[in-house]
């Protein structure tokens, strides 16, 4: 019985991991489609910071998601250097910006 429960638990974790990977892949594809990956990458600074650096900077900040959504919508400069990030609203839908920001913060 314990073996069966262990197998079920392992399968559940594997399926959850697969769903998270699919969600991450979809969010990355959305970032690509929205033009975000022209200036950012996951692992390395391009024009803007690497997304993993953004996630590290805001780790534990409960207000990070709202701040970053607003920053992506309106654009800005100065946090990561002097190169400004252009506003991404209205050409990128609000729900897409939220999805991308959630993904970035999950890295």
Protein backbone atom coordinates (compact mmCIF):
# COMPACT_ATOMS: atom_id res chain seq x y z
CA UNK A 1 0.00 0.00 0.00
CA UNK A 2 2.84 2.40 0.87
CA UNK A 3 4.47 1.66 -2.48
CA UNK A 4 1.24 2.48 -4.29
CA UNK A 5 0.82 5.76 -2.38
CA UNK A 6 4.44 6.67 -3.06
CA UNK A 7 3.96 5.97 -6.76
CA UNK A 8 0.81 8.10 -6.86
CA UNK A 9 2.57 10.95 -5.04
CA UNK A 10 5.52 10.76 -7.44
CA UNK A 11 3.23 10.77 -10.46
CA UNK A 12 1.33 13.76 -9.09
CA UNK A 13 4.56 15.71 -8.59
CA UNK A 14 5.75 14.78 -12.08
CA UNK A 15 2.48 15.94 -13.63
CA UNK A 16 2.60 19.20 -11.65
CA UNK A 17 6.16 19.76 -12.83
CA UNK A 18 5.10 19.11 -16.43
CA UNK A 19 2.24 21.59 -16.11
CA UNK A 20 4.58 24.23 -14.69
CA UNK A 21 7.04 23.62 -17.52
CA UNK A 22 4.23 23.98 -20.07
CA UNK A 23 3.08 27.21 -18.40
CA UNK A 24 6.66 28.53 -18.42
CA UNK A 25 7.07 27.63 -22.09
CA UNK A 26 3.79 29.37 -22.94
CA UNK A 27 4.81 32.49 -20.99
CA UNK A 28 8.21 32.56 -22.71
CA UNK A 29 6.50 32.23 -26.10
CA UNK A 30 4.20 35.11 -25.12
CA UNK A 31 7.25 37.22 -24.18
CA UNK A 32 8.79 36.41 -27.57
CA UNK A 33 5.58 37.29 -29.42
CA UNK A 34 5.26 40.54 -27.45
CA UNK A 35 8.79 41.65 -28.35
CA UNK A 36 10.21 41.36 -24.83
CA UNK A 37 13.00 38.99 -25.87
CA UNK A 38 14.38 41.56 -28.30
CA UNK A 39 15.84 43.38 -25.28
CA UNK A 40 15.85 40.71 -22.54
CA UNK A 41 16.87 37.09 -22.16
CA UNK A 42 16.38 34.63 -19.34
CA UNK A 43 20.04 34.24 -18.41
CA UNK A 44 22.05 37.18 -19.76
CA UNK A 45 21.79 40.95 -19.99
CA UNK A 46 20.98 42.12 -23.51
CA UNK A 47 19.79 45.76 -23.58
CA UNK A 48 17.72 45.18 -20.49
CA UNK A 49 18.49 42.95 -17.53
CA UNK A 50 18.32 39.17 -17.61
CA UNK A 51 15.01 37.94 -16.32
CA UNK A 52 16.74 35.78 -13.69
CA UNK A 53 18.40 38.97 -12.37
CA UNK A 54 15.00 40.67 -12.18
CA UNK A 55 13.57 37.70 -10.28
CA UNK A 56 16.51 37.76 -7.85
CA UNK A 57 16.22 41.50 -7.25
CA UNK A 58 12.53 41.28 -6.38
CA UNK A 59 12.59 37.95 -4.51
CA UNK A 60 10.51 38.26 -1.36
CA UNK A 61 9.03 41.63 -2.39
CA UNK A 62 5.26 41.22 -2.06
CA UNK A 63 4.69 44.35 -4.18
CA UNK A 64 7.00 43.28 -7.02
CA UNK A 65 4.33 41.94 -9.35
CA UNK A 66 2.26 45.15 -9.26
CA UNK A 67 5.38 47.34 -9.60
CA UNK A 68 6.69 45.40 -12.56
CA UNK A 69 3.33 45.26 -14.33
CA UNK A 70 3.13 49.03 -14.08
CA UNK A 71 6.75 49.40 -15.26
CA UNK A 72 6.13 47.19 -18.28
CA UNK A 73 2.96 49.11 -19.17
CA UNK A 74 4.43 52.61 -18.80
CA UNK A 75 8.12 51.97 -19.48
CA UNK A 76 10.88 53.62 -17.54
CA UNK A 77 14.60 53.96 -16.93
CA UNK A 78 17.12 54.19 -14.16
CA UNK A 79 16.56 50.98 -12.21
CA UNK A 80 18.88 48.87 -14.40
CA UNK A 81 20.83 51.61 -16.16
CA UNK A 82 20.26 54.53 -18.46
CA UNK A 83 18.71 52.69 -21.41
CA UNK A 84 14.96 53.32 -21.21
CA UNK A 85 12.39 50.58 -21.60
CA UNK A 86 9.56 51.78 -23.83
CA UNK A 87 5.94 51.55 -22.75
CA UNK A 88 4.26 48.32 -23.80
CA UNK A 89 0.67 49.37 -23.43
CA UNK A 90 -1.71 49.28 -25.33
CA UNK A 91 0.04 46.98 -27.84
CA UNK A 92 0.46 44.21 -25.22
CA UNK A 93 -2.73 43.21 -23.41
CA UNK A 94 -2.83 43.65 -19.62
CA UNK A 95 -3.41 39.94 -19.01
CA UNK A 96 -0.41 39.11 -21.19
CA UNK A 97 1.79 41.54 -19.26
CA UNK A 98 0.64 39.93 -16.01
CA UNK A 99 1.45 36.45 -17.33
CA UNK A 100 4.92 37.52 -18.45
CA UNK A 101 5.68 39.27 -15.15
CA UNK A 102 4.51 36.25 -13.15
CA UNK A 103 6.79 34.05 -15.24
CA UNK A 104 9.78 36.37 -14.84
CA UNK A 105 9.30 36.45 -11.07
CA UNK A 106 9.11 32.64 -11.00
CA UNK A 107 12.61 32.24 -12.45
